[in-house]
Amino acid sequence: MGEHFQEPRMIRSLAAASLAIVFTAIPAQAETDSQTLAACMIEHSTETDVATMKELMLYALQDQEEEATSSLLKIAFSATSIATSDCGMSLSDLDSPLFEDAMQIYSEHLGTVIMARALSFL
């Protein structure tokens, strides 16, 4: 008789453990997905994207806010276009943390390319 009372408790414990595993795995999956999306965006980026990021950096360093904003909008439009046309994102997905994380990785990559090129002149 005591065994029947323990089975529901054991099932609840297993269910709770399963849910804990699922919910702790979600951030890792989201991170992987944002890295995958960023890799796709990087793969489809162009020299124009690098040049636009360079403009943004230069304008920002010179405190030219209007020009920097314009360059930022160009980069955002290009990244959005790449994500939706080449990387399988839908327009509704663009308002997600996944896209925001991928955009940060993508932007950092463009900045790294620019800095590597600048340092190669030294």
PDB file of N, CA and C in Angstrom:
ATOM      1  N   MET A   1       0.820  -1.191   0.000  1.00  0.00           N
ATOM      2  CA  MET A   1       0.000   0.000   0.000  1.00  0.00           C
ATOM      3  C   MET A   1       0.865   1.256   0.000  1.00  0.00           C
ATOM      4  N   GLY A   2       1.967   1.248   0.718  1.00  0.00           N
ATOM      5  CA  GLY A   2       2.857   2.393   0.768  1.00  0.00           C
ATOM      6  C   GLY A   2       3.471   2.701  -0.583  1.00  0.00           C
ATOM      7  N   GLU A   3       3.635   1.676  -1.435  1.00  0.00           N
ATOM      8  CA  GLU A   3       4.238   1.877  -2.739  1.00  0.00           C
ATOM      9  C   GLU A   3       3.346   2.726  -3.631  1.00  0.00           C
ATOM     10  N   HIS A   4       2.043   2.586  -3.547  1.00  0.00           N
ATOM     11  CA  HIS A   4       1.122   3.355  -4.383  1.00  0.00           C
ATOM     12  C   HIS A   4       1.188   4.844  -4.062  1.00  0.00           C
ATOM     13  N   PHE A   5       1.447   5.178  -2.805  1.00  0.00           N
ATOM     14  CA  PHE A   5       1.532   6.580  -2.426  1.00  0.00           C
ATOM     15  C   PHE A   5       2.854   7.195  -2.890  1.00  0.00           C
ATOM     16  N   GLN A   6       3.879   6.377  -3.041  1.00  0.00           N
ATOM     17  CA  GLN A   6       5.181   6.892  -3.474  1.00  0.00           C
ATOM     18  C   GLN A   6       5.245   7.068  -4.990  1.00  0.00           C
ATOM     19  N   GLU A   7       4.492   6.276  -5.744  1.00  0.00           N
ATOM     20  CA  GLU A   7       4.539   6.379  -7.201  1.00  0.00           C
ATOM     21  C   GLU A   7       4.148   7.770  -7.696  1.00  0.00           C
ATOM     22  N   PRO A   8       3.034   8.352  -7.228  1.00  0.00           N
ATOM     23  CA  PRO A   8       2.708   9.705  -7.695  1.00  0.00           C
ATOM     24  C   PRO A   8       3.800  10.708  -7.325  1.00  0.00           C
ATOM     25  N   ARG A   9       4.401  10.535  -6.162  1.00  0.00           N
ATOM     26  CA  ARG A   9       5.465  11.433  -5.756  1.00  0.00           C
ATOM     27  C   ARG A   9       6.670  11.273  -6.685  1.00  0.00           C
ATOM     28  N   MET A  10       6.976  10.025  -7.045  1.00  0.00           N
ATOM     29  CA  MET A  10       8.091   9.753  -7.933  1.00  0.00           C
ATOM     30  C   MET A  10       7.794  10.327  -9.329  1.00  0.00           C
ATOM     31  N   ILE A  11       6.568  10.164  -9.802  1.00  0.00           N
ATOM     32  CA  ILE A  11       6.183  10.698 -11.106  1.00  0.00           C
ATOM     33  C   ILE A  11       6.289  12.219 -11.100  1.00  0.00           C
ATOM     34  N   ARG A  12       5.832  12.842 -10.012  1.00  0.00           N
ATOM     35  CA  ARG A  12       5.946  14.300  -9.911  1.00  0.00           C
ATOM     36  C   ARG A  12       7.402  14.739  -9.912  1.00  0.00           C
ATOM     37  N   SER A  13       8.238  13.996  -9.208  1.00  0.00           N
ATOM     38  CA  SER A  13       9.666  14.324  -9.169  1.00  0.00           C
ATOM     39  C   SER A  13      10.295  14.190 -10.546  1.00  0.00           C
ATOM     40  N   LEU A  14       9.937  13.117 -11.262  1.00  0.00           N
ATOM     41  CA  LEU A  14      10.463  12.938 -12.616  1.00  0.00           C
ATOM     42  C   LEU A  14       9.961  14.032 -13.552  1.00  0.00           C
ATOM     43  N   ALA A  15       8.701  14.381 -13.419  1.00  0.00           N
ATOM     44  CA  ALA A  15       8.135  15.447 -14.253  1.00  0.00           C
ATOM     45  C   ALA A  15       8.816  16.778 -13.954  1.00  0.00           C
ATOM     46  N   ALA A  16       9.027  17.070 -12.676  1.00  0.00           N
ATOM     47  CA  ALA A  16       9.698  18.313 -12.295  1.00  0.00           C
ATOM     48  C   ALA A  16      11.126  18.329 -12.810  1.00  0.00           C
ATOM     49  N   ALA A  17      11.807  17.208 -12.713  1.00  0.00           N
ATOM     50  CA  ALA A  17      13.180  17.125 -13.216  1.00  0.00           C
ATOM     51  C   ALA A  17      13.209  17.306 -14.730  1.00  0.00           C
ATOM     52  N   SER A  18      12.242  16.709 -15.426  1.00  0.00           N
ATOM     53  CA  SER A  18      12.170  16.851 -16.881  1.00  0.00           C
ATOM     54  C   SER A  18      11.942  18.298 -17.278  1.00  0.00           C
ATOM     55  N   LEU A  19      11.022  18.966 -16.577  1.00  0.00           N
ATOM     56  CA  LEU A  19      10.759  20.373 -16.879  1.00  0.00           C
ATOM     57  C   LEU A  19      11.984  21.230 -16.596  1.00  0.00           C
ATOM     58  N   ALA A  20      12.689  20.930 -15.514  1.00  0.00           N
ATOM     59  CA  ALA A  20      13.892  21.689 -15.189  1.00  0.00           C
ATOM     60  C   ALA A  20      14.936  21.531 -16.283  1.00  0.00           C
ATOM     61  N   ILE A  21      15.075  20.321 -16.797  1.00  0.00           N
ATOM     62  CA  ILE A  21      16.038  20.085 -17.874  1.00  0.00           C
ATOM     63  C   ILE A  21      15.626  20.846 -19.124  1.00  0.00           C
ATOM     64  N   VAL A  22      14.362  20.798 -19.464  1.00  0.00           N
ATOM     65  CA  VAL A  22      13.874  21.494 -20.662  1.00  0.00           C
ATOM     66  C   VAL A  22      14.084  22.992 -20.530  1.00  0.00           C
ATOM     67  N   PHE A  23      13.709  23.574 -19.383  1.00  0.00           N
ATOM     68  CA  PHE A  23      13.802  25.018 -19.235  1.00  0.00           C
ATOM     69  C   PHE A  23      15.232  25.507 -19.102  1.00  0.00           C
ATOM     70  N   THR A  24      16.126  24.695 -18.575  1.00  0.00           N
ATOM     71  CA  THR A  24      17.520  25.124 -18.519  1.00  0.00           C
ATOM     72  C   THR A  24      18.200  24.951 -19.863  1.00  0.00           C
ATOM     73  N   ALA A  25      17.671  24.107 -20.721  1.00  0.00           N
ATOM     74  CA  ALA A  25      18.254  23.912 -22.048  1.00  0.00           C
ATOM     75  C   ALA A  25      17.814  24.993 -23.024  1.00  0.00           C
ATOM     76  N   ILE A  26      16.726  25.668 -22.767  1.00  0.00           N
ATOM     77  CA  ILE A  26      16.210  26.677 -23.694  1.00  0.00           C
ATOM     78  C   ILE A  26      17.200  27.824 -23.913  1.00  0.00           C
ATOM     79  N   PRO A  27      17.810  28.425 -22.875  1.00  0.00           N
ATOM     80  CA  PRO A  27      18.756  29.501 -23.151  1.00  0.00           C
ATOM     81  C   PRO A  27      19.936  29.037 -23.998  1.00  0.00           C
ATOM     82  N   ALA A  28      20.433  27.844 -23.760  1.00  0.00           N
ATOM     83  CA  ALA A  28      21.546  27.344 -24.563  1.00  0.00           C
ATOM     84  C   ALA A  28      21.110  27.178 -26.008  1.00  0.00           C
ATOM     85  N   GLN A  29      19.897  26.691 -26.240  1.00  0.00           N
ATOM     86  CA  GLN A  29      19.383  26.535 -27.593  1.00  0.00           C
ATOM     87  C   GLN A  29      19.225  27.899 -28.255  1.00  0.00           C
ATOM     88  N   ALA A  30      18.698  28.865 -27.514  1.00  0.00           N
ATOM     89  CA  ALA A  30      18.522  30.201 -28.071  1.00  0.00           C
ATOM     90  C   ALA A  30      19.876  30.811 -28.421  1.00  0.00           C
ATOM     91  N   GLU A  31      20.863  30.601 -27.560  1.00  0.00           N
ATOM     92  CA  GLU A  31      22.192  31.126 -27.833  1.00  0.00           C
ATOM     93  C   GLU A  31      22.755  30.501 -29.104  1.00  0.00           C
ATOM     94  N   THR A  32      22.610  29.191 -29.227  1.00  0.00           N
ATOM     95  CA  THR A  32      23.083  28.504 -30.422  1.00  0.00           C
ATOM     96  C   THR A  32      22.365  29.015 -31.643  1.00  0.00           C
ATOM     97  N   ASP A  33      21.068  29.213 -31.557  1.00  0.00           N
ATOM     98  CA  ASP A  33      20.302  29.716 -32.692  1.00  0.00           C
ATOM     99  C   ASP A  33      20.744  31.126 -33.082  1.00  0.00           C
ATOM    100  N   SER A  34      21.009  31.982 -32.096  1.00  0.00           N
ATOM    101  CA  SER A  34      21.458  33.336 -32.419  1.00  0.00           C
ATOM    102  C   SER A  34      22.854  33.297 -33.030  1.00  0.00           C
ATOM    103  N   GLN A  35      23.690  32.382 -32.571  1.00  0.00           N
ATOM    104  CA  GLN A  35      25.023  32.243 -33.158  1.00  0.00           C
ATOM    105  C   GLN A  35      24.930  31.706 -34.586  1.00  0.00           C
ATOM    106  N   THR A  36      24.008  30.784 -34.804  1.00  0.00           N
ATOM    107  CA  THR A  36      23.799  30.244 -36.148  1.00  0.00           C
ATOM    108  C   THR A  36      23.280  31.326 -37.080  1.00  0.00           C
ATOM    109  N   LEU A  37      22.319  32.107 -36.600  1.00  0.00           N
ATOM    110  CA  LEU A  37      21.782  33.202 -37.403  1.00  0.00           C
ATOM    111  C   LEU A  37      22.872  34.220 -37.702  1.00  0.00           C
ATOM    112  N   ALA A  38      23.656  34.571 -36.697  1.00  0.00           N
ATOM    113  CA  ALA A  38      24.744  35.534 -36.902  1.00  0.00           C
ATOM    114  C   ALA A  38      25.747  35.003 -37.919  1.00  0.00           C
ATOM    115  N   ALA A  39      26.074  33.712 -37.833  1.00  0.00           N
ATOM    116  CA  ALA A  39      27.009  33.113 -38.794  1.00  0.00           C
ATOM    117  C   ALA A  39      26.452  33.206 -40.217  1.00  0.00           C
ATOM    118  N   CYS A  40      25.163  32.981 -40.367  1.00  0.00           N
ATOM    119  CA  CYS A  40      24.518  33.103 -41.679  1.00  0.00           C
ATOM    120  C   CYS A  40      24.585  34.548 -42.164  1.00  0.00           C
ATOM    121  N   MET A  41      24.313  35.488 -41.278  1.00  0.00           N
ATOM    122  CA  MET A  41      24.348  36.894 -41.649  1.00  0.00           C
ATOM    123  C   MET A  41      25.764  37.311 -42.045  1.00  0.00           C
ATOM    124  N   ILE A  42      26.745  36.839 -41.308  1.00  0.00           N
ATOM    125  CA  ILE A  42      28.144  37.142 -41.617  1.00  0.00           C
ATOM    126  C   ILE A  42      28.525  36.561 -42.975  1.00  0.00           C
ATOM    127  N   GLU A  43      28.092  35.345 -43.222  1.00  0.00           N
ATOM    128  CA  GLU A  43      28.383  34.684 -44.486  1.00  0.00           C
ATOM    129  C   GLU A  43      27.827  35.459 -45.676  1.00  0.00           C
ATOM    130  N   HIS A  44      26.687  36.108 -45.480  1.00  0.00           N
ATOM    131  CA  HIS A  44      26.028  36.826 -46.572  1.00  0.00           C
ATOM    132  C   HIS A  44      26.316  38.335 -46.553  1.00  0.00           C
ATOM    133  N   SER A  45      27.174  38.782 -45.651  1.00  0.00           N
ATOM    134  CA  SER A  45      27.496  40.210 -45.618  1.00  0.00           C
ATOM    135  C   SER A  45      28.399  40.555 -46.800  1.00  0.00           C
ATOM    136  N   THR A  46      28.427  41.827 -47.119  1.00  0.00           N
ATOM    137  CA  THR A  46      29.192  42.295 -48.275  1.00  0.00           C
ATOM    138  C   THR A  46      30.209  43.351 -47.833  1.00  0.00           C
ATOM    139  N   GLU A  47      31.048  43.733 -48.760  1.00  0.00           N
ATOM    140  CA  GLU A  47      31.992  44.822 -48.492  1.00  0.00           C
ATOM    141  C   GLU A  47      31.248  46.129 -48.232  1.00  0.00           C
ATOM    142  N   THR A  48      30.081  46.266 -48.813  1.00  0.00           N
ATOM    143  CA  THR A  48      29.259  47.459 -48.564  1.00  0.00           C
ATOM    144  C   THR A  48      28.849  47.509 -47.091  1.00  0.00           C
ATOM    145  N   ASP A  49      28.518  46.355 -46.513  1.00  0.00           N
ATOM    146  CA  ASP A  49      28.161  46.305 -45.094  1.00  0.00           C
ATOM    147  C   ASP A  49      29.342  46.722 -44.221  1.00  0.00           C
ATOM    148  N   VAL A  50      30.527  46.242 -44.575  1.00  0.00           N
ATOM    149  CA  VAL A  50      31.737  46.608 -43.827  1.00  0.00           C
ATOM    150  C   VAL A  50      31.990  48.110 -43.957  1.00  0.00           C
ATOM    151  N   ALA A  51      31.858  48.635 -45.164  1.00  0.00           N
ATOM    152  CA  ALA A  51      32.074  50.071 -45.391  1.00  0.00           C
ATOM    153  C   ALA A  51      31.067  50.914 -44.616  1.00  0.00           C
ATOM    154  N   THR A  52      29.827  50.456 -44.559  1.00  0.00           N
ATOM    155  CA  THR A  52      28.800  51.197 -43.822  1.00  0.00           C
ATOM    156  C   THR A  52      29.091  51.185 -42.328  1.00  0.00           C
ATOM    157  N   MET A  53      29.552  50.053 -41.811  1.00  0.00           N
ATOM    158  CA  MET A  53      29.914  49.993 -40.394  1.00  0.00           C
ATOM    159  C   MET A  53      31.108  50.908 -40.123  1.00  0.00           C
ATOM    160  N   LYS A  54      32.040  50.951 -41.045  1.00  0.00           N
ATOM    161  CA  LYS A  54      33.197  51.835 -40.902  1.00  0.00           C
ATOM    162  C   LYS A  54      32.742  53.292 -40.837  1.00  0.00           C
ATOM    163  N   GLU A  55      31.807  53.654 -41.730  1.00  0.00           N
ATOM    164  CA  GLU A  55      31.247  55.013 -41.701  1.00  0.00           C
ATOM    165  C   GLU A  55      30.612  55.306 -40.347  1.00  0.00           C
ATOM    166  N   LEU A  56      29.833  54.356 -39.863  1.00  0.00           N
ATOM    167  CA  LEU A  56      29.178  54.532 -38.562  1.00  0.00           C
ATOM    168  C   LEU A  56      30.212  54.794 -37.471  1.00  0.00           C
ATOM    169  N   MET A  57      31.261  54.002 -37.457  1.00  0.00           N
ATOM    170  CA  MET A  57      32.297  54.163 -36.433  1.00  0.00           C
ATOM    171  C   MET A  57      32.964  55.530 -36.545  1.00  0.00           C
ATOM    172  N   LEU A  58      33.290  55.939 -37.764  1.00  0.00           N
ATOM    173  CA  LEU A  58      33.944  57.239 -37.969  1.00  0.00           C
ATOM    174  C   LEU A  58      33.027  58.388 -37.562  1.00  0.00           C
ATOM    175  N   TYR A  59      31.772  58.328 -37.983  1.00  0.00           N
ATOM    176  CA  TYR A  59      30.831  59.384 -37.617  1.00  0.00           C
ATOM    177  C   TYR A  59      30.620  59.450 -36.106  1.00  0.00           C
ATOM    178  N   ALA A  60      30.542  58.289 -35.486  1.00  0.00           N
ATOM    179  CA  ALA A  60      30.345  58.260 -34.029  1.00  0.00           C
ATOM    180  C   ALA A  60      31.556  58.860 -33.317  1.00  0.00           C
ATOM    181  N   LEU A  61      32.757  58.535 -33.789  1.00  0.00           N
ATOM    182  CA  LEU A  61      33.974  59.084 -33.173  1.00  0.00           C
ATOM    183  C   LEU A  61      34.081  60.593 -33.366  1.00  0.00           C
ATOM    184  N   GLN A  62      33.491  61.102 -34.433  1.00  0.00           N
ATOM    185  CA  GLN A  62      33.524  62.540 -34.721  1.00  0.00           C
ATOM    186  C   GLN A  62      32.284  63.264 -34.193  1.00  0.00           C
ATOM    187  N   ASP A  63      31.478  62.543 -33.416  1.00  0.00           N
ATOM    188  CA  ASP A  63      30.257  63.116 -32.833  1.00  0.00           C
ATOM    189  C   ASP A  63      29.310  63.693 -33.885  1.00  0.00           C
ATOM    190  N   GLN A  64      29.273  63.075 -35.043  1.00  0.00           N
ATOM    191  CA  GLN A  64      28.341  63.487 -36.098  1.00  0.00           C
ATOM    192  C   GLN A  64      27.105  62.593 -35.995  1.00  0.00           C
ATOM    193  N   GLU A  65      26.221  62.991 -35.104  1.00  0.00           N
ATOM    194  CA  GLU A  65      25.077  62.166 -34.728  1.00  0.00           C
ATOM    195  C   GLU A  65      24.139  61.853 -35.892  1.00  0.00           C
ATOM    196  N   GLU A  66      23.825  62.847 -36.683  1.00  0.00           N
ATOM    197  CA  GLU A  66      22.891  62.639 -37.794  1.00  0.00           C
ATOM    198  C   GLU A  66      23.450  61.634 -38.811  1.00  0.00           C
ATOM    199  N   GLU A  67      24.710  61.794 -39.160  1.00  0.00           N
ATOM    200  CA  GLU A  67      25.339  60.889 -40.118  1.00  0.00           C
ATOM    201  C   GLU A  67      25.485  59.482 -39.533  1.00  0.00           C
ATOM    202  N   ALA A  68      25.830  59.409 -38.239  1.00  0.00           N
ATOM    203  CA  ALA A  68      25.957  58.112 -37.568  1.00  0.00           C
ATOM    204  C   ALA A  68      24.615  57.384 -37.549  1.00  0.00           C
ATOM    205  N   THR A  69      23.554  58.116 -37.276  1.00  0.00           N
ATOM    206  CA  THR A  69      22.215  57.525 -37.265  1.00  0.00           C
ATOM    207  C   THR A  69      21.846  56.998 -38.642  1.00  0.00           C
ATOM    208  N   SER A  70      22.194  57.754 -39.671  1.00  0.00           N
ATOM    209  CA  SER A  70      21.917  57.330 -41.038  1.00  0.00           C
ATOM    210  C   SER A  70      22.665  56.031 -41.363  1.00  0.00           C
ATOM    211  N   SER A  71      23.922  55.949 -40.980  1.00  0.00           N
ATOM    212  CA  SER A  71      24.705  54.730 -41.218  1.00  0.00           C
ATOM    213  C   SER A  71      24.150  53.559 -40.416  1.00  0.00           C
ATOM    214  N   LEU A  72      23.737  53.827 -39.194  1.00  0.00           N
ATOM    215  CA  LEU A  72      23.151  52.778 -38.361  1.00  0.00           C
ATOM    216  C   LEU A  72      21.887  52.219 -39.009  1.00  0.00           C
ATOM    217  N   LEU A  73      21.062  53.096 -39.542  1.00  0.00           N
ATOM    218  CA  LEU A  73      19.841  52.646 -40.219  1.00  0.00           C
ATOM    219  C   LEU A  73      20.166  51.805 -41.452  1.00  0.00           C
ATOM    220  N   LYS A  74      21.215  52.185 -42.187  1.00  0.00           N
ATOM    221  CA  LYS A  74      21.633  51.399 -43.353  1.00  0.00           C
ATOM    222  C   LYS A  74      22.076  49.993 -42.937  1.00  0.00           C
ATOM    223  N   ILE A  75      22.842  49.919 -41.856  1.00  0.00           N
ATOM    224  CA  ILE A  75      23.309  48.616 -41.366  1.00  0.00           C
ATOM    225  C   ILE A  75      22.123  47.775 -40.902  1.00  0.00           C
ATOM    226  N   ALA A  76      21.214  48.397 -40.174  1.00  0.00           N
ATOM    227  CA  ALA A  76      20.033  47.674 -39.683  1.00  0.00           C
ATOM    228  C   ALA A  76      19.183  47.168 -40.844  1.00  0.00           C
ATOM    229  N   PHE A  77      19.001  47.988 -41.865  1.00  0.00           N
ATOM    230  CA  PHE A  77      18.220  47.570 -43.027  1.00  0.00           C
ATOM    231  C   PHE A  77      18.898  46.407 -43.747  1.00  0.00           C
ATOM    232  N   SER A  78      20.206  46.518 -43.942  1.00  0.00           N
ATOM    233  CA  SER A  78      20.945  45.452 -44.618  1.00  0.00           C
ATOM    234  C   SER A  78      20.888  44.151 -43.819  1.00  0.00           C
ATOM    235  N   ALA A  79      21.084  44.237 -42.507  1.00  0.00           N
ATOM    236  CA  ALA A  79      21.045  43.045 -41.656  1.00  0.00           C
ATOM    237  C   ALA A  79      19.657  42.412 -41.672  1.00  0.00           C
ATOM    238  N   THR A  80      18.635  43.238 -41.638  1.00  0.00           N
ATOM    239  CA  THR A  80      17.258  42.747 -41.706  1.00  0.00           C
ATOM    240  C   THR A  80      17.008  42.037 -43.030  1.00  0.00           C
ATOM    241  N   SER A  81      17.487  42.634 -44.087  1.00  0.00           N
ATOM    242  CA  SER A  81      17.327  42.043 -45.409  1.00  0.00           C
ATOM    243  C   SER A  81      18.044  40.695 -45.507  1.00  0.00           C
ATOM    244  N   ILE A  82      19.269  40.642 -45.014  1.00  0.00           N
ATOM    245  CA  ILE A  82      20.031  39.391 -45.026  1.00  0.00           C
ATOM    246  C   ILE A  82      19.310  38.324 -44.204  1.00  0.00           C
ATOM    247  N   ALA A  83      18.883  38.699 -42.999  1.00  0.00           N
ATOM    248  CA  ALA A  83      18.234  37.734 -42.102  1.00  0.00           C
ATOM    249  C   ALA A  83      16.961  37.160 -42.709  1.00  0.00           C
ATOM    250  N   THR A  84      16.194  38.013 -43.380  1.00  0.00           N
ATOM    251  CA  THR A  84      14.919  37.536 -43.924  1.00  0.00           C
ATOM    252  C   THR A  84      15.064  36.860 -45.283  1.00  0.00           C
ATOM    253  N   SER A  85      15.956  37.356 -46.130  1.00  0.00           N
ATOM    254  CA  SER A  85      16.052  36.783 -47.471  1.00  0.00           C
ATOM    255  C   SER A  85      17.027  35.618 -47.572  1.00  0.00           C
ATOM    256  N   ASP A  86      18.065  35.608 -46.721  1.00  0.00           N
ATOM    257  CA  ASP A  86      19.097  34.578 -46.838  1.00  0.00           C
ATOM    258  C   ASP A  86      19.165  33.603 -45.661  1.00  0.00           C
ATOM    259  N   CYS A  87      18.589  33.987 -44.529  1.00  0.00           N
ATOM    260  CA  CYS A  87      18.786  33.187 -43.318  1.00  0.00           C
ATOM    261  C   CYS A  87      17.499  32.629 -42.713  1.00  0.00           C
ATOM    262  N   GLY A  88      16.385  32.771 -43.411  1.00  0.00           N
ATOM    263  CA  GLY A  88      15.158  32.114 -42.987  1.00  0.00           C
ATOM    264  C   GLY A  88      14.358  32.788 -41.890  1.00  0.00           C
ATOM    265  N   MET A  89      14.668  34.021 -41.540  1.00  0.00           N
ATOM    266  CA  MET A  89      13.888  34.720 -40.526  1.00  0.00           C
ATOM    267  C   MET A  89      12.639  35.316 -41.164  1.00  0.00           C
ATOM    268  N   SER A  90      11.575  35.372 -40.391  1.00  0.00           N
ATOM    269  CA  SER A  90      10.372  36.060 -40.859  1.00  0.00           C
ATOM    270  C   SER A  90      10.388  37.476 -40.287  1.00  0.00           C
ATOM    271  N   LEU A  91       9.584  38.338 -40.835  1.00  0.00           N
ATOM    272  CA  LEU A  91       9.529  39.709 -40.328  1.00  0.00           C
ATOM    273  C   LEU A  91       9.112  39.748 -38.863  1.00  0.00           C
ATOM    274  N   SER A  92       8.227  38.851 -38.458  1.00  0.00           N
ATOM    275  CA  SER A  92       7.790  38.849 -37.054  1.00  0.00           C
ATOM    276  C   SER A  92       8.907  38.379 -36.118  1.00  0.00           C
ATOM    277  N   ASP A  93       9.878  37.621 -36.639  1.00  0.00           N
ATOM    278  CA  ASP A  93      11.000  37.158 -35.821  1.00  0.00           C
ATOM    279  C   ASP A  93      11.998  38.268 -35.517  1.00  0.00           C
ATOM    280  N   LEU A  94      11.935  39.353 -36.261  1.00  0.00           N
ATOM    281  CA  LEU A  94      12.919  40.414 -36.105  1.00  0.00           C
ATOM    282  C   LEU A  94      12.779  41.160 -34.791  1.00  0.00           C
ATOM    283  N   ASP A  95      11.665  40.991 -34.125  1.00  0.00           N
ATOM    284  CA  ASP A  95      11.431  41.650 -32.841  1.00  0.00           C
ATOM    285  C   ASP A  95      11.717  40.692 -31.685  1.00  0.00           C
ATOM    286  N   SER A  96      12.623  39.754 -31.908  1.00  0.00           N
ATOM    287  CA  SER A  96      12.897  38.734 -30.894  1.00  0.00           C
ATOM    288  C   SER A  96      14.293  38.893 -30.317  1.00  0.00           C
ATOM    289  N   PRO A  97      14.514  38.395 -29.103  1.00  0.00           N
ATOM    290  CA  PRO A  97      15.865  38.411 -28.525  1.00  0.00           C
ATOM    291  C   PRO A  97      16.871  37.647 -29.385  1.00  0.00           C
ATOM    292  N   LEU A  98      16.408  36.626 -30.087  1.00  0.00           N
ATOM    293  CA  LEU A  98      17.289  35.857 -30.958  1.00  0.00           C
ATOM    294  C   LEU A  98      17.907  36.767 -32.019  1.00  0.00           C
ATOM    295  N   PHE A  99      17.095  37.585 -32.674  1.00  0.00           N
ATOM    296  CA  PHE A  99      17.607  38.490 -33.701  1.00  0.00           C
ATOM    297  C   PHE A  99      18.478  39.570 -33.077  1.00  0.00           C
ATOM    298  N   GLU A 100      18.079  40.080 -31.926  1.00  0.00           N
ATOM    299  CA  GLU A 100      18.881  41.108 -31.248  1.00  0.00           C
ATOM    300  C   GLU A 100      20.272  40.569 -30.917  1.00  0.00           C
ATOM    301  N   ASP A 101      20.338  39.345 -30.397  1.00  0.00           N
ATOM    302  CA  ASP A 101      21.622  38.726 -30.076  1.00  0.00           C
ATOM    303  C   ASP A 101      22.442  38.494 -31.336  1.00  0.00           C
ATOM    304  N   ALA A 102      21.797  38.013 -32.388  1.00  0.00           N
ATOM    305  CA  ALA A 102      22.499  37.783 -33.658  1.00  0.00           C
ATOM    306  C   ALA A 102      23.008  39.103 -34.234  1.00  0.00           C
ATOM    307  N   MET A 103      22.215  40.145 -34.112  1.00  0.00           N
ATOM    308  CA  MET A 103      22.613  41.459 -34.616  1.00  0.00           C
ATOM    309  C   MET A 103      23.842  41.972 -33.876  1.00  0.00           C
ATOM    310  N   GLN A 104      23.895  41.729 -32.579  1.00  0.00           N
ATOM    311  CA  GLN A 104      25.062  42.158 -31.797  1.00  0.00           C
ATOM    312  C   GLN A 104      26.312  41.397 -32.257  1.00  0.00           C
ATOM    313  N   ILE A 105      26.189  40.094 -32.431  1.00  0.00           N
ATOM    314  CA  ILE A 105      27.320  39.274 -32.887  1.00  0.00           C
ATOM    315  C   ILE A 105      27.754  39.738 -34.284  1.00  0.00           C
ATOM    316  N   TYR A 106      26.788  39.971 -35.158  1.00  0.00           N
ATOM    317  CA  TYR A 106      27.055  40.419 -36.526  1.00  0.00           C
ATOM    318  C   TYR A 106      27.782  41.765 -36.514  1.00  0.00           C
ATOM    319  N   SER A 107      27.298  42.703 -35.732  1.00  0.00           N
ATOM    320  CA  SER A 107      27.912  44.032 -35.663  1.00  0.00           C
ATOM    321  C   SER A 107      29.322  43.965 -35.100  1.00  0.00           C
ATOM    322  N   GLU A 108      29.503  43.148 -34.063  1.00  0.00           N
ATOM    323  CA  GLU A 108      30.837  42.978 -33.495  1.00  0.00           C
ATOM    324  C   GLU A 108      31.792  42.395 -34.531  1.00  0.00           C
ATOM    325  N   HIS A 109      31.293  41.462 -35.336  1.00  0.00           N
ATOM    326  CA  HIS A 109      32.133  40.876 -36.382  1.00  0.00           C
ATOM    327  C   HIS A 109      32.572  41.939 -37.384  1.00  0.00           C
ATOM    328  N   LEU A 110      31.625  42.764 -37.840  1.00  0.00           N
ATOM    329  CA  LEU A 110      31.977  43.821 -38.791  1.00  0.00           C
ATOM    330  C   LEU A 110      33.007  44.770 -38.185  1.00  0.00           C
ATOM    331  N   GLY A 111      32.828  45.128 -36.918  1.00  0.00           N
ATOM    332  CA  GLY A 111      33.785  45.995 -36.239  1.00  0.00           C
ATOM    333  C   GLY A 111      35.156  45.346 -36.121  1.00  0.00           C
ATOM    334  N   THR A 112      35.172  44.047 -35.872  1.00  0.00           N
ATOM    335  CA  THR A 112      36.437  43.317 -35.768  1.00  0.00           C
ATOM    336  C   THR A 112      37.158  43.294 -37.119  1.00  0.00           C
ATOM    337  N   VAL A 113      36.412  43.107 -38.194  1.00  0.00           N
ATOM    338  CA  VAL A 113      37.008  43.128 -39.536  1.00  0.00           C
ATOM    339  C   VAL A 113      37.654  44.489 -39.794  1.00  0.00           C
ATOM    340  N   ILE A 114      36.950  45.535 -39.452  1.00  0.00           N
ATOM    341  CA  ILE A 114      37.464  46.892 -39.668  1.00  0.00           C
ATOM    342  C   ILE A 114      38.731  47.121 -38.857  1.00  0.00           C
ATOM    343  N   MET A 115      38.703  46.728 -37.594  1.00  0.00           N
ATOM    344  CA  MET A 115      39.882  46.928 -36.745  1.00  0.00           C
ATOM    345  C   MET A 115      41.064  46.084 -37.218  1.00  0.00           C
ATOM    346  N   ALA A 116      40.823  44.872 -37.642  1.00  0.00           N
ATOM    347  CA  ALA A 116      41.904  44.009 -38.147  1.00  0.00           C
ATOM    348  C   ALA A 116      42.546  44.634 -39.380  1.00  0.00           C
ATOM    349  N   ARG A 117      41.705  45.174 -40.250  1.00  0.00           N
ATOM    350  CA  ARG A 117      42.239  45.833 -41.450  1.00  0.00           C
ATOM    351  C   ARG A 117      43.047  47.083 -41.078  1.00  0.00           C
ATOM    352  N   ALA A 118      42.550  47.838 -40.120  1.00  0.00           N
ATOM    353  CA  ALA A 118      43.264  49.048 -39.693  1.00  0.00           C
ATOM    354  C   ALA A 118      44.618  48.690 -39.072  1.00  0.00           C
ATOM    355  N   LEU A 119      44.631  47.643 -38.258  1.00  0.00           N
ATOM    356  CA  LEU A 119      45.881  47.254 -37.603  1.00  0.00           C
ATOM    357  C   LEU A 119      46.875  46.622 -38.578  1.00  0.00           C
ATOM    358  N   SER A 120      46.391  46.114 -39.690  1.00  0.00           N
ATOM    359  CA  SER A 120      47.304  45.516 -40.668  1.00  0.00           C
ATOM    360  C   SER A 120      48.200  46.565 -41.321  1.00  0.00           C
ATOM    361  N   PHE A 121      47.822  47.841 -41.215  1.00  0.00           N
ATOM    362  CA  PHE A 121      48.637  48.906 -41.779  1.00  0.00           C
ATOM    363  C   PHE A 121      49.836  49.247 -40.893  1.00  0.00           C
ATOM    364  N   LEU A 122      49.816  48.803 -39.669  1.00  0.00           N
ATOM    365  CA  LEU A 122      50.910  49.150 -38.739  1.00  0.00           C
ATOM    366  C   LEU A 122      52.115  48.284 -38.942  1.00  0.00           C
TER     367      LEU A 122
END
